[in-house]
Amino acid sequence: MNSSLKYLFFYFLFILFSSCSPNGEESNDLLKEEVIAIHDEVMPKMGELKSLHKEILLKIDLLKSDSSKNAADIQELQVLANNLDASFEGMFIWMRQFKSTYEGMNEEEITQYLLEQKKMVEKVNLDIKKNLAEAKSELDKS
């Protein structure tokens, strides 16, 4: 009888620990939430990104009409405008290719997919933040 109690005790411990650890589906749900949160952090800044892009283009036009001595500044601003546009497009390219359903994929494949998506959306996020900061800094100079 004593060994039965030990067996029962270890059985309950096993059940307790296995029910507390997240399974593959739960950890994939958490990973998906992380990916979406990274996206959601910068998505509201897309309007600001476009506005700054327009302001940079206006500054380029002003420099072009003002003097021919501004070629280096114009080129630098054009690179910044291109970077802002690329950040904007990068977000929408990522959004179009992101799959929120995983038909035909097992848990391991879903995890791998979400990890790749996390890397991609982190790059989009960082590019947007970097280019916004550079544009604001440039426009604050004037």
Protein backbone atom coordinates (compact mmCIF):
# COMPACT_ATOMS: atom_id res chain seq x y z
CA MET A 1 0.00 0.00 0.00
CA ASN A 2 2.85 2.35 0.73
CA SER A 3 4.23 1.96 -2.80
CA SER A 4 0.77 2.68 -4.21
CA LEU A 5 0.73 6.01 -2.41
CA LYS A 6 4.18 6.85 -3.75
CA TYR A 7 3.04 5.96 -7.23
CA LEU A 8 -0.08 8.08 -6.85
CA PHE A 9 1.95 10.98 -5.46
CA PHE A 10 4.38 10.94 -8.40
CA TYR A 11 1.52 10.56 -10.84
CA PHE A 12 -0.15 13.71 -9.48
CA LEU A 13 3.17 15.58 -9.56
CA PHE A 14 3.61 14.59 -13.19
CA ILE A 15 0.08 15.75 -14.06
CA LEU A 16 0.63 19.00 -12.19
CA PHE A 17 3.91 19.82 -13.95
CA SER A 18 2.76 18.79 -17.39
CA SER A 19 -0.37 20.91 -17.11
CA CYS A 20 1.67 23.98 -16.08
CA SER A 21 4.12 23.95 -18.96
CA PRO A 22 2.95 25.59 -22.17
CA ASN A 23 2.39 23.26 -25.08
CA GLY A 24 3.48 24.03 -28.63
CA GLU A 25 0.18 25.61 -29.56
CA GLU A 26 0.20 27.92 -26.54
CA SER A 27 3.79 29.02 -27.12
CA ASN A 28 2.98 29.63 -30.79
CA ASP A 29 0.02 31.76 -29.73
CA LEU A 30 2.36 33.79 -27.52
CA LEU A 31 4.89 34.08 -30.34
CA LYS A 32 2.17 35.25 -32.73
CA GLU A 33 1.10 37.86 -30.16
CA GLU A 34 4.72 39.10 -30.00
CA VAL A 35 4.88 39.41 -33.80
CA ILE A 36 1.59 41.33 -33.89
CA ALA A 37 2.70 43.59 -31.00
CA ILE A 38 5.88 44.54 -32.88
CA HIS A 39 3.75 45.40 -35.91
CA ASP A 40 1.20 47.29 -33.80
CA GLU A 41 3.91 49.43 -32.22
CA VAL A 42 4.79 51.21 -35.48
CA MET A 43 1.65 50.83 -37.57
CA PRO A 44 0.13 54.02 -36.10
CA LYS A 45 3.25 55.90 -37.25
CA MET A 46 2.61 55.21 -40.93
CA GLY A 47 0.75 58.50 -41.40
CA GLU A 48 3.61 60.39 -39.78
CA LEU A 49 6.04 58.55 -42.04
CA LYS A 50 4.15 59.71 -45.15
CA SER A 51 3.89 63.30 -43.83
CA LEU A 52 7.61 63.49 -43.17
CA HIS A 53 8.26 62.04 -46.63
CA LYS A 54 6.23 64.87 -48.16
CA GLU A 55 8.03 67.48 -46.04
CA ILE A 56 11.41 66.14 -47.14
CA LEU A 57 10.31 66.28 -50.79
CA LEU A 58 9.18 69.90 -50.29
CA LYS A 59 12.56 70.74 -48.78
CA ILE A 60 14.25 69.16 -51.81
CA ASP A 61 12.12 71.30 -54.13
CA LEU A 62 13.02 74.43 -52.17
CA LEU A 63 16.72 73.64 -52.37
CA LYS A 64 16.46 72.97 -56.10
CA SER A 65 14.78 76.30 -56.77
CA ASP A 66 17.03 78.23 -54.41
CA SER A 67 20.51 77.43 -55.64
CA SER A 68 22.62 75.02 -57.63
CA LYS A 69 25.10 74.92 -54.73
CA ASN A 70 22.84 72.56 -52.81
CA ALA A 71 23.53 69.42 -54.84
CA ALA A 72 25.03 67.47 -51.91
CA ASP A 73 22.17 68.45 -49.58
CA ILE A 74 19.62 67.53 -52.23
CA GLN A 75 21.23 64.15 -52.74
CA GLU A 76 21.29 63.49 -48.98
CA LEU A 77 17.64 64.47 -48.66
CA GLN A 78 16.71 62.30 -51.62
CA VAL A 79 18.31 59.30 -49.91
CA LEU A 80 16.31 60.11 -46.78
CA ALA A 81 13.08 60.43 -48.80
CA ASN A 82 13.81 57.08 -50.47
CA ASN A 83 14.45 55.48 -47.06
CA LEU A 84 11.14 56.82 -45.72
CA ASP A 85 9.33 55.46 -48.75
CA ALA A 86 11.10 52.10 -48.43
CA SER A 87 10.08 51.88 -44.75
CA PHE A 88 6.48 52.61 -45.66
CA GLU A 89 6.50 49.99 -48.42
CA GLY A 90 8.35 47.52 -46.18
CA MET A 91 5.47 47.52 -43.71
CA PHE A 92 2.89 46.78 -46.38
CA ILE A 93 5.04 44.15 -48.07
CA TRP A 94 5.41 42.40 -44.70
CA MET A 95 1.67 42.67 -43.99
CA ARG A 96 0.72 41.20 -47.37
CA GLN A 97 2.90 38.14 -46.96
CA PHE A 98 2.11 37.47 -43.27
CA LYS A 99 -0.15 34.45 -42.78
CA SER A 100 -2.31 34.34 -39.67
CA THR A 101 -3.56 30.81 -40.32
CA TYR A 102 -1.28 27.82 -40.57
CA GLU A 103 -3.19 25.14 -42.42
CA GLY A 104 -1.11 22.09 -43.17
CA MET A 105 1.71 23.10 -40.79
CA ASN A 106 2.69 21.23 -37.65
CA GLU A 107 3.57 23.05 -34.41
CA GLU A 108 7.31 23.02 -35.14
CA GLU A 109 6.79 24.49 -38.63
CA ILE A 110 4.50 27.15 -37.18
CA THR A 111 7.13 28.05 -34.59
CA GLN A 112 9.80 28.34 -37.28
CA TYR A 113 7.50 30.45 -39.47
CA LEU A 114 6.63 32.80 -36.60
CA LEU A 115 10.29 33.18 -35.61
CA GLU A 116 11.13 34.17 -39.20
CA GLN A 117 8.19 36.59 -39.24
CA LYS A 118 9.33 38.08 -35.94
CA LYS A 119 12.78 38.78 -37.42
CA MET A 120 11.22 40.35 -40.49
CA VAL A 121 8.78 42.57 -38.60
CA GLU A 122 11.52 43.61 -36.15
CA LYS A 123 13.55 44.86 -39.11
CA VAL A 124 10.51 46.74 -40.47
CA ASN A 125 9.93 48.21 -36.99
CA LEU A 126 13.55 49.33 -36.59
CA ASP A 127 13.71 50.77 -40.12
CA ILE A 128 10.59 52.84 -39.51
CA LYS A 129 11.85 54.16 -36.17
CA LYS A 130 15.31 54.95 -37.56
CA ASN A 131 14.00 56.73 -40.64
CA LEU A 132 11.42 58.70 -38.64
CA ALA A 133 14.14 59.88 -36.26
CA GLU A 134 16.46 60.86 -39.13
CA ALA A 135 13.69 62.75 -40.93
CA LYS A 136 12.65 64.63 -37.78
CA SER A 137 16.26 65.51 -37.08
CA GLU A 138 16.75 66.79 -40.63
CA LEU A 139 13.57 68.85 -40.58
CA ASP A 140 14.44 70.32 -37.16
CA LYS A 141 17.62 71.78 -38.72
CA SER A 142 15.61 74.14 -40.91
